[in-house]
Amino acid sequence: MQQTYPESFHLAQVNIATLCAPLHDPQMTDFVAQIRDVNAVADRDPGFVWRLRSEGADDATNIRAFEDDRILITLTVWRSLQALFDYVYQGAHAAVMRDRRRWFIKTDQPILALWWLPVEELPTVDQSKERLEHLCLHGSTPYAFSFGKPFPSPTAISSSDPQAIVTPKVTVV
């Protein structure tokens, strides 16, 4: 019988994207039309915990966290790495990922960072920017990591049960 451990940590994720054009530009119509539905899929996912939203809005497209106003930020919290991975690369969100070059400028810098945080905490925009910077400078570490080189939650590390350390089957697209 597999022992279960209390949920002590959740997975925070930040991703950024630099727009090819302003959100109101006709080039962005298909992207903007999907935002509500894709967010609704996340909201219903049993692995989803929380996402950043602009005050009075249902998404974060009005938040400008960087000097470059073309950069959108997505900041979410998930119950596990596998839950986030499944959301990102399957279903409605996978379609956005396939079409991302239509709407976003490709960059050589990391655009996604993951980290574990205690269940009672929520990440901040400043923390997320710091994690992205750390990943850019140091590569994947327990402080900030990627899907390509994930780190287990501190709960899994502190348990003596090797089954508690679950790494998703990752094929980064």
N, C-alpha and C. Protein backbone atom coordinates (compact mmCIF):
# COMPACT_ATOMS: atom_id res chain seq x y z
N MET A 1 0.85 -1.19 0.00
CA MET A 1 0.00 0.00 0.00
C MET A 1 0.89 1.25 0.00
N GLN A 2 0.58 2.17 -0.91
CA GLN A 2 1.37 3.39 -1.01
C GLN A 2 0.93 4.38 0.06
N GLN A 3 1.92 4.92 0.75
CA GLN A 3 1.64 5.91 1.79
C GLN A 3 1.37 7.25 1.13
N THR A 4 0.39 7.98 1.63
CA THR A 4 0.12 9.32 1.10
C THR A 4 0.63 10.35 2.10
N TYR A 5 1.05 11.48 1.57
CA TYR A 5 1.59 12.55 2.39
C TYR A 5 0.70 13.77 2.27
N PRO A 6 0.58 14.53 3.35
CA PRO A 6 -0.24 15.73 3.25
C PRO A 6 0.37 16.69 2.21
N GLU A 7 -0.52 17.37 1.52
CA GLU A 7 -0.08 18.33 0.52
C GLU A 7 0.52 19.53 1.24
N SER A 8 1.82 19.71 1.12
CA SER A 8 2.51 20.81 1.80
C SER A 8 2.97 21.89 0.84
N PHE A 9 3.16 21.51 -0.43
CA PHE A 9 3.67 22.44 -1.42
C PHE A 9 2.83 22.38 -2.68
N HIS A 10 2.72 23.53 -3.32
CA HIS A 10 2.11 23.64 -4.63
C HIS A 10 3.19 24.12 -5.60
N LEU A 11 2.89 23.99 -6.88
CA LEU A 11 3.81 24.41 -7.91
C LEU A 11 3.38 25.76 -8.46
N ALA A 12 4.27 26.73 -8.38
CA ALA A 12 4.02 28.04 -9.00
C ALA A 12 4.65 28.03 -10.38
N GLN A 13 4.01 28.71 -11.30
CA GLN A 13 4.59 28.85 -12.64
C GLN A 13 4.34 30.25 -13.14
N VAL A 14 5.37 30.78 -13.78
CA VAL A 14 5.25 32.05 -14.47
C VAL A 14 5.67 31.82 -15.91
N ASN A 15 4.94 32.42 -16.81
CA ASN A 15 5.42 32.46 -18.19
C ASN A 15 5.11 33.83 -18.75
N ILE A 16 5.99 34.23 -19.63
CA ILE A 16 5.84 35.54 -20.26
C ILE A 16 5.85 35.34 -21.77
N ALA A 17 5.26 36.30 -22.46
CA ALA A 17 5.23 36.26 -23.92
C ALA A 17 5.24 37.70 -24.43
N THR A 18 6.04 37.93 -25.44
CA THR A 18 6.12 39.25 -26.05
C THR A 18 5.22 39.28 -27.27
N LEU A 19 4.22 40.15 -27.21
CA LEU A 19 3.23 40.26 -28.28
C LEU A 19 3.84 40.75 -29.59
N CYS A 20 3.37 40.18 -30.68
CA CYS A 20 3.76 40.66 -32.02
C CYS A 20 3.08 41.98 -32.35
N ALA A 21 1.92 42.21 -31.73
CA ALA A 21 1.12 43.41 -31.99
C ALA A 21 0.29 43.68 -30.73
N PRO A 22 -0.23 44.88 -30.56
CA PRO A 22 -1.11 45.16 -29.41
C PRO A 22 -2.33 44.23 -29.41
N LEU A 23 -2.87 43.95 -28.25
CA LEU A 23 -4.01 43.03 -28.14
C LEU A 23 -5.21 43.47 -28.96
N HIS A 24 -5.38 44.76 -29.18
CA HIS A 24 -6.53 45.25 -29.95
C HIS A 24 -6.30 45.19 -31.46
N ASP A 25 -5.08 44.84 -31.89
CA ASP A 25 -4.76 44.75 -33.31
C ASP A 25 -5.46 43.54 -33.94
N PRO A 26 -5.96 43.65 -35.17
CA PRO A 26 -6.63 42.52 -35.82
C PRO A 26 -5.78 41.24 -35.89
N GLN A 27 -4.48 41.38 -35.94
CA GLN A 27 -3.59 40.22 -35.95
C GLN A 27 -3.75 39.36 -34.69
N MET A 28 -4.21 39.97 -33.60
CA MET A 28 -4.31 39.28 -32.32
C MET A 28 -5.72 38.75 -32.02
N THR A 29 -6.66 38.97 -32.93
CA THR A 29 -8.07 38.61 -32.71
C THR A 29 -8.25 37.16 -32.29
N ASP A 30 -7.62 36.23 -33.01
CA ASP A 30 -7.79 34.81 -32.68
C ASP A 30 -7.24 34.48 -31.29
N PHE A 31 -6.12 35.08 -30.93
CA PHE A 31 -5.56 34.85 -29.60
C PHE A 31 -6.49 35.37 -28.51
N VAL A 32 -6.90 36.62 -28.64
CA VAL A 32 -7.76 37.24 -27.63
C VAL A 32 -9.08 36.47 -27.49
N ALA A 33 -9.60 35.97 -28.60
CA ALA A 33 -10.87 35.22 -28.57
C ALA A 33 -10.76 33.94 -27.75
N GLN A 34 -9.57 33.41 -27.56
CA GLN A 34 -9.38 32.14 -26.83
C GLN A 34 -9.12 32.32 -25.34
N ILE A 35 -8.75 33.50 -24.92
CA ILE A 35 -8.29 33.70 -23.53
C ILE A 35 -9.32 33.22 -22.51
N ARG A 36 -10.55 33.66 -22.64
CA ARG A 36 -11.58 33.30 -21.65
C ARG A 36 -11.78 31.79 -21.58
N ASP A 37 -11.89 31.13 -22.73
CA ASP A 37 -12.13 29.69 -22.76
C ASP A 37 -10.95 28.89 -22.20
N VAL A 38 -9.75 29.30 -22.57
CA VAL A 38 -8.55 28.59 -22.08
C VAL A 38 -8.43 28.77 -20.57
N ASN A 39 -8.70 29.96 -20.06
CA ASN A 39 -8.67 30.17 -18.61
C ASN A 39 -9.76 29.36 -17.91
N ALA A 40 -10.93 29.23 -18.53
CA ALA A 40 -12.02 28.45 -17.94
C ALA A 40 -11.64 26.98 -17.83
N VAL A 41 -10.91 26.47 -18.81
CA VAL A 41 -10.44 25.09 -18.75
C VAL A 41 -9.52 24.92 -17.54
N ALA A 42 -8.61 25.86 -17.35
CA ALA A 42 -7.71 25.80 -16.19
C ALA A 42 -8.52 25.86 -14.89
N ASP A 43 -9.45 26.80 -14.82
CA ASP A 43 -10.24 26.97 -13.59
C ASP A 43 -10.97 25.70 -13.19
N ARG A 44 -11.38 24.90 -14.17
CA ARG A 44 -12.11 23.66 -13.88
C ARG A 44 -11.19 22.46 -13.61
N ASP A 45 -9.92 22.60 -13.93
CA ASP A 45 -8.98 21.49 -13.77
C ASP A 45 -8.79 21.16 -12.28
N PRO A 46 -8.89 19.88 -11.89
CA PRO A 46 -8.72 19.53 -10.48
C PRO A 46 -7.30 19.83 -9.95
N GLY A 47 -6.33 19.97 -10.84
CA GLY A 47 -4.98 20.28 -10.41
C GLY A 47 -4.69 21.76 -10.28
N PHE A 48 -5.64 22.59 -10.69
CA PHE A 48 -5.47 24.05 -10.67
C PHE A 48 -5.79 24.60 -9.29
N VAL A 49 -5.01 25.60 -8.85
CA VAL A 49 -5.22 26.23 -7.55
C VAL A 49 -5.58 27.71 -7.69
N TRP A 50 -4.81 28.46 -8.48
CA TRP A 50 -4.97 29.93 -8.50
C TRP A 50 -4.30 30.50 -9.74
N ARG A 51 -4.77 31.68 -10.19
CA ARG A 51 -4.08 32.43 -11.24
C ARG A 51 -4.20 33.93 -10.97
N LEU A 52 -3.19 34.65 -11.42
CA LEU A 52 -3.15 36.09 -11.32
C LEU A 52 -4.18 36.69 -12.27
N ARG A 53 -4.90 37.69 -11.77
CA ARG A 53 -5.89 38.41 -12.58
C ARG A 53 -5.72 39.91 -12.32
N SER A 54 -5.99 40.68 -13.34
CA SER A 54 -6.00 42.13 -13.17
C SER A 54 -7.20 42.48 -12.28
N GLU A 55 -7.07 43.55 -11.52
CA GLU A 55 -8.17 43.97 -10.66
C GLU A 55 -9.41 44.24 -11.51
N GLY A 56 -10.51 43.59 -11.14
CA GLY A 56 -11.76 43.78 -11.85
C GLY A 56 -11.85 43.05 -13.18
N ALA A 57 -10.87 42.19 -13.46
CA ALA A 57 -10.86 41.47 -14.74
C ALA A 57 -10.78 39.97 -14.50
N ASP A 58 -11.02 39.20 -15.55
CA ASP A 58 -10.97 37.75 -15.44
C ASP A 58 -9.63 37.19 -15.94
N ASP A 59 -8.73 38.05 -16.36
CA ASP A 59 -7.42 37.59 -16.82
C ASP A 59 -6.37 38.62 -16.41
N ALA A 60 -5.12 38.39 -16.83
CA ALA A 60 -4.02 39.27 -16.44
C ALA A 60 -3.47 40.07 -17.62
N THR A 61 -4.24 40.17 -18.70
CA THR A 61 -3.70 40.85 -19.89
C THR A 61 -3.47 42.35 -19.69
N ASN A 62 -4.04 42.94 -18.67
CA ASN A 62 -3.81 44.37 -18.41
C ASN A 62 -2.62 44.62 -17.50
N ILE A 63 -2.04 43.57 -16.94
CA ILE A 63 -0.91 43.73 -16.03
C ILE A 63 0.37 43.88 -16.85
N ARG A 64 1.08 44.95 -16.60
CA ARG A 64 2.36 45.19 -17.26
C ARG A 64 3.45 45.12 -16.20
N ALA A 65 4.11 43.99 -16.12
CA ALA A 65 5.12 43.74 -15.09
C ALA A 65 6.52 44.12 -15.53
N PHE A 66 6.69 44.42 -16.81
CA PHE A 66 8.00 44.71 -17.37
C PHE A 66 7.99 46.07 -18.06
N GLU A 67 9.18 46.62 -18.27
CA GLU A 67 9.27 47.91 -18.96
C GLU A 67 8.68 47.84 -20.36
N ASP A 68 8.87 46.72 -21.01
CA ASP A 68 8.34 46.52 -22.36
C ASP A 68 6.85 46.20 -22.24
N ASP A 69 5.99 47.11 -22.67
CA ASP A 69 4.54 46.94 -22.56
C ASP A 69 3.98 45.81 -23.41
N ARG A 70 4.81 45.26 -24.30
CA ARG A 70 4.34 44.16 -25.14
C ARG A 70 4.40 42.81 -24.42
N ILE A 71 5.00 42.76 -23.22
CA ILE A 71 5.17 41.49 -22.51
C ILE A 71 3.97 41.20 -21.64
N LEU A 72 3.32 40.07 -21.92
CA LEU A 72 2.22 39.57 -21.08
C LEU A 72 2.80 38.62 -20.05
N ILE A 73 2.18 38.57 -18.89
CA ILE A 73 2.61 37.65 -17.83
C ILE A 73 1.44 36.75 -17.44
N THR A 74 1.75 35.49 -17.25
CA THR A 74 0.80 34.53 -16.70
C THR A 74 1.44 33.94 -15.46
N LEU A 75 0.73 33.98 -14.36
CA LEU A 75 1.24 33.49 -13.08
C LEU A 75 0.16 32.60 -12.49
N THR A 76 0.47 31.32 -12.30
CA THR A 76 -0.52 30.37 -11.79
C THR A 76 0.08 29.47 -10.72
N VAL A 77 -0.80 28.76 -10.01
CA VAL A 77 -0.39 27.79 -9.01
C VAL A 77 -1.15 26.49 -9.29
N TRP A 78 -0.43 25.37 -9.19
CA TRP A 78 -0.97 24.05 -9.49
C TRP A 78 -0.64 23.07 -8.37
N ARG A 79 -1.41 22.01 -8.27
CA ARG A 79 -1.19 20.99 -7.24
C ARG A 79 0.02 20.12 -7.53
N SER A 80 0.38 19.99 -8.80
CA SER A 80 1.51 19.13 -9.16
C SER A 80 2.09 19.54 -10.49
N LEU A 81 3.29 19.07 -10.73
CA LEU A 81 3.96 19.29 -12.00
C LEU A 81 3.20 18.59 -13.12
N GLN A 82 2.72 17.39 -12.86
CA GLN A 82 1.99 16.65 -13.88
C GLN A 82 0.69 17.36 -14.26
N ALA A 83 -0.02 17.92 -13.28
CA ALA A 83 -1.27 18.63 -13.57
C ALA A 83 -1.00 19.83 -14.49
N LEU A 84 0.04 20.59 -14.19
CA LEU A 84 0.37 21.73 -15.03
C LEU A 84 0.79 21.27 -16.42
N PHE A 85 1.65 20.27 -16.49
CA PHE A 85 2.11 19.77 -17.78
C PHE A 85 0.93 19.32 -18.64
N ASP A 86 0.00 18.57 -18.05
CA ASP A 86 -1.15 18.09 -18.81
C ASP A 86 -1.99 19.26 -19.33
N TYR A 87 -2.18 20.27 -18.50
CA TYR A 87 -2.94 21.44 -18.93
C TYR A 87 -2.24 22.16 -20.09
N VAL A 88 -0.94 22.39 -19.96
CA VAL A 88 -0.21 23.17 -20.96
C VAL A 88 -0.18 22.47 -22.31
N TYR A 89 0.02 21.16 -22.32
CA TYR A 89 0.28 20.47 -23.59
C TYR A 89 -0.86 19.59 -24.08
N GLN A 90 -2.03 19.67 -23.43
CA GLN A 90 -3.18 18.92 -23.90
C GLN A 90 -4.39 19.84 -23.96
N GLY A 91 -5.39 19.48 -24.71
CA GLY A 91 -6.64 20.23 -24.74
C GLY A 91 -6.53 21.61 -25.36
N ALA A 92 -7.36 22.52 -24.86
CA ALA A 92 -7.49 23.86 -25.43
C ALA A 92 -6.18 24.64 -25.40
N HIS A 93 -5.42 24.50 -24.34
CA HIS A 93 -4.17 25.25 -24.23
C HIS A 93 -3.14 24.75 -25.24
N ALA A 94 -3.17 23.49 -25.58
CA ALA A 94 -2.23 22.95 -26.56
C ALA A 94 -2.38 23.65 -27.91
N ALA A 95 -3.60 24.00 -28.28
CA ALA A 95 -3.84 24.71 -29.54
C ALA A 95 -3.16 26.08 -29.52
N VAL A 96 -3.23 26.75 -28.39
CA VAL A 96 -2.56 28.05 -28.26
C VAL A 96 -1.05 27.85 -28.41
N MET A 97 -0.53 26.80 -27.79
CA MET A 97 0.91 26.53 -27.88
C MET A 97 1.33 26.28 -29.32
N ARG A 98 0.53 25.55 -30.07
CA ARG A 98 0.87 25.27 -31.48
C ARG A 98 0.88 26.55 -32.32
N ASP A 99 0.01 27.50 -32.00
CA ASP A 99 -0.12 28.72 -32.80
C ASP A 99 0.66 29.91 -32.23
N ARG A 100 1.43 29.70 -31.19
CA ARG A 100 2.05 30.82 -30.48
C ARG A 100 2.92 31.71 -31.37
N ARG A 101 3.53 31.20 -32.39
CA ARG A 101 4.39 32.02 -33.26
C ARG A 101 3.58 33.05 -34.05
N ARG A 102 2.27 32.83 -34.18
CA ARG A 102 1.42 33.82 -34.84
C ARG A 102 1.29 35.09 -34.01
N TRP A 103 1.37 34.95 -32.69
CA TRP A 103 1.06 36.06 -31.80
C TRP A 103 2.23 36.58 -30.96
N PHE A 104 3.26 35.74 -30.79
CA PHE A 104 4.34 36.09 -29.88
C PHE A 104 5.71 36.03 -30.57
N ILE A 105 6.59 36.89 -30.12
CA ILE A 105 7.94 36.95 -30.65
C ILE A 105 8.79 35.89 -29.97
N LYS A 106 9.52 35.12 -30.77
CA LYS A 106 10.42 34.09 -30.23
C LYS A 106 11.60 34.76 -29.54
N THR A 107 12.02 34.19 -28.42
CA THR A 107 13.15 34.72 -27.67
C THR A 107 14.09 33.59 -27.30
N ASP A 108 15.34 33.92 -27.06
CA ASP A 108 16.32 32.92 -26.62
C ASP A 108 16.36 32.81 -25.10
N GLN A 109 15.69 33.71 -24.41
CA GLN A 109 15.66 33.71 -22.95
C GLN A 109 14.55 32.79 -22.44
N PRO A 110 14.71 32.24 -21.24
CA PRO A 110 13.61 31.45 -20.67
C PRO A 110 12.34 32.31 -20.55
N ILE A 111 11.22 31.72 -20.91
CA ILE A 111 9.94 32.42 -20.79
C ILE A 111 9.05 31.75 -19.75
N LEU A 112 9.52 30.65 -19.16
CA LEU A 112 8.75 29.93 -18.16
C LEU A 112 9.68 29.54 -17.02
N ALA A 113 9.20 29.73 -15.80
CA ALA A 113 9.92 29.28 -14.61
C ALA A 113 8.93 28.63 -13.66
N LEU A 114 9.38 27.57 -13.01
CA LEU A 114 8.57 26.82 -12.06
C LEU A 114 9.29 26.80 -10.72
N TRP A 115 8.52 26.77 -9.63
CA TRP A 115 9.10 26.61 -8.30
C TRP A 115 8.03 26.13 -7.34
N TRP A 116 8.48 25.50 -6.27
CA TRP A 116 7.56 25.00 -5.24
C TRP A 116 7.38 26.06 -4.17
N LEU A 117 6.14 26.20 -3.68
CA LEU A 117 5.88 27.12 -2.59
C LEU A 117 4.89 26.49 -1.62
N PRO A 118 4.99 26.84 -0.34
CA PRO A 118 4.06 26.27 0.65
C PRO A 118 2.61 26.53 0.25
N VAL A 119 1.73 25.58 0.56
CA VAL A 119 0.34 25.68 0.12
C VAL A 119 -0.36 26.95 0.58
N GLU A 120 0.06 27.52 1.68
CA GLU A 120 -0.64 28.71 2.18
C GLU A 120 -0.16 30.00 1.52
N GLU A 121 0.82 29.91 0.64
CA GLU A 121 1.36 31.10 -0.02
C GLU A 121 0.89 31.20 -1.47
N LEU A 122 0.85 32.45 -1.95
CA LEU A 122 0.62 32.72 -3.37
C LEU A 122 1.83 33.49 -3.88
N PRO A 123 2.23 33.24 -5.10
CA PRO A 123 3.40 33.95 -5.64
C PRO A 123 3.04 35.39 -6.00
N THR A 124 4.05 36.22 -6.04
CA THR A 124 3.86 37.62 -6.45
C THR A 124 4.53 37.83 -7.81
N VAL A 125 4.18 38.91 -8.45
CA VAL A 125 4.78 39.26 -9.73
C VAL A 125 6.28 39.47 -9.55
N ASP A 126 6.67 40.16 -8.48
CA ASP A 126 8.11 40.40 -8.24
C ASP A 126 8.85 39.08 -8.04
N GLN A 127 8.28 38.15 -7.27
CA GLN A 127 8.91 36.84 -7.09
C GLN A 127 9.05 36.12 -8.43
N SER A 128 8.04 36.21 -9.25
CA SER A 128 8.08 35.49 -10.53
C SER A 128 9.16 36.07 -11.44
N LYS A 129 9.31 37.38 -11.44
CA LYS A 129 10.37 37.99 -12.24
C LYS A 129 11.74 37.55 -11.73
N GLU A 130 11.88 37.46 -10.42
CA GLU A 130 13.12 37.01 -9.81
C GLU A 130 13.43 35.55 -10.20
N ARG A 131 12.40 34.71 -10.21
CA ARG A 131 12.60 33.30 -10.58
C ARG A 131 13.00 33.16 -12.04
N LEU A 132 12.37 33.93 -12.91
CA LEU A 132 12.76 33.91 -14.32
C LEU A 132 14.21 34.34 -14.50
N GLU A 133 14.60 35.39 -13.82
CA GLU A 133 15.97 35.89 -13.90
C GLU A 133 16.95 34.83 -13.39
N HIS A 134 16.61 34.20 -12.28
CA HIS A 134 17.46 33.15 -11.71
C HIS A 134 17.63 32.00 -12.70
N LEU A 135 16.55 31.58 -13.31
CA LEU A 135 16.61 30.50 -14.30
C LEU A 135 17.48 30.90 -15.49
N CYS A 136 17.36 32.13 -15.92
CA CYS A 136 18.16 32.64 -17.03
C CYS A 136 19.66 32.61 -16.69
N LEU A 137 19.99 33.01 -15.49
CA LEU A 137 21.40 33.10 -15.08
C LEU A 137 22.02 31.77 -14.68
N HIS A 138 21.22 30.87 -14.07
CA HIS A 138 21.77 29.66 -13.45
C HIS A 138 21.25 28.35 -14.02
N GLY A 139 20.29 28.42 -14.93
CA GLY A 139 19.69 27.18 -15.41
C GLY A 139 18.76 26.60 -14.35
N SER A 140 18.27 25.40 -14.59
CA SER A 140 17.34 24.77 -13.65
C SER A 140 18.02 24.42 -12.33
N THR A 141 17.41 24.90 -11.26
CA THR A 141 17.84 24.60 -9.90
C THR A 141 16.55 24.41 -9.09
N PRO A 142 16.64 23.93 -7.86
CA PRO A 142 15.41 23.83 -7.07
C PRO A 142 14.71 25.19 -6.86
N TYR A 143 15.46 26.29 -6.97
CA TYR A 143 14.88 27.62 -6.78
C TYR A 143 13.99 28.03 -7.95
N ALA A 144 14.39 27.66 -9.15
CA ALA A 144 13.62 27.97 -10.36
C ALA A 144 14.03 26.95 -11.41
N PHE A 145 13.04 26.26 -11.97
CA PHE A 145 13.36 25.20 -12.92
C PHE A 145 12.40 25.22 -14.09
N SER A 146 12.66 24.32 -15.03
CA SER A 146 11.87 24.24 -16.25
C SER A 146 11.23 22.86 -16.35
N PHE A 147 10.34 22.70 -17.33
CA PHE A 147 9.78 21.38 -17.60
C PHE A 147 10.89 20.42 -18.03
N GLY A 148 11.88 20.93 -18.74
CA GLY A 148 12.95 20.09 -19.24
C GLY A 148 13.84 19.51 -18.16
N LYS A 149 13.98 20.21 -17.05
CA LYS A 149 14.78 19.73 -15.92
C LYS A 149 14.05 20.08 -14.62
N PRO A 150 12.99 19.33 -14.32
CA PRO A 150 12.20 19.64 -13.12
C PRO A 150 12.86 19.12 -11.84
N PHE A 151 12.40 19.68 -10.73
CA PHE A 151 12.84 19.24 -9.40
C PHE A 151 11.61 18.83 -8.61
N PRO A 152 11.73 17.78 -7.80
CA PRO A 152 10.58 17.33 -7.00
C PRO A 152 10.25 18.32 -5.89
N SER A 153 9.02 18.23 -5.41
CA SER A 153 8.61 19.12 -4.32
C SER A 153 9.40 18.78 -3.05
N PRO A 154 9.57 19.75 -2.17
CA PRO A 154 10.26 19.47 -0.90
C PRO A 154 9.58 18.36 -0.10
N THR A 155 8.27 18.20 -0.23
CA THR A 155 7.57 17.11 0.46
C THR A 155 8.08 15.77 -0.05
N ALA A 156 8.21 15.64 -1.35
CA ALA A 156 8.69 14.39 -1.93
C ALA A 156 10.12 14.11 -1.51
N ILE A 157 10.94 15.14 -1.47
CA ILE A 157 12.34 14.98 -1.09
C ILE A 157 12.46 14.55 0.36
N SER A 158 11.63 15.14 1.24
CA SER A 158 11.74 14.84 2.67
C SER A 158 11.11 13.51 3.04
N SER A 159 10.26 12.96 2.17
CA SER A 159 9.67 11.66 2.47
C SER A 159 10.69 10.58 2.13
N SER A 160 10.58 9.47 2.77
CA SER A 160 11.49 8.36 2.47
C SER A 160 10.90 7.47 1.39
N ASP A 161 9.76 7.85 0.86
CA ASP A 161 9.07 7.05 -0.15
C ASP A 161 9.48 7.49 -1.54
N PRO A 162 10.25 6.69 -2.28
CA PRO A 162 10.66 7.09 -3.62
C PRO A 162 9.48 7.25 -4.57
N GLN A 163 8.34 6.62 -4.28
CA GLN A 163 7.16 6.76 -5.11
C GLN A 163 6.58 8.18 -5.03
N ALA A 164 6.93 8.92 -3.99
CA ALA A 164 6.40 10.28 -3.83
C ALA A 164 7.05 11.25 -4.81
N ILE A 165 8.19 10.86 -5.36
CA ILE A 165 8.87 11.74 -6.31
C ILE A 165 8.40 11.35 -7.70
N VAL A 166 7.48 12.13 -8.22
CA VAL A 166 6.89 11.85 -9.52
C VAL A 166 7.29 12.95 -10.49
N THR A 167 7.96 12.56 -11.55
CA THR A 167 8.33 13.48 -12.60
C THR A 167 7.45 13.19 -13.80
N PRO A 168 6.79 14.20 -14.36
CA PRO A 168 5.91 13.92 -15.49
C PRO A 168 6.69 13.46 -16.71
N LYS A 169 5.97 12.77 -17.56
CA LYS A 169 6.55 12.37 -18.85
C LYS A 169 6.56 13.63 -19.71
N VAL A 170 7.71 14.24 -19.82
CA VAL A 170 7.82 15.55 -20.44
C VAL A 170 8.41 15.44 -21.84
N THR A 171 7.67 15.94 -22.79
CA THR A 171 8.18 16.14 -24.14
C THR A 171 7.88 17.59 -24.47
N VAL A 172 8.88 18.43 -24.32
CA VAL A 172 8.66 19.86 -24.53
C VAL A 172 8.51 20.11 -26.02
N VAL A 173 7.43 20.84 -26.35
CA VAL A 173 7.08 21.10 -27.73
C VAL A 173 7.75 22.35 -28.22
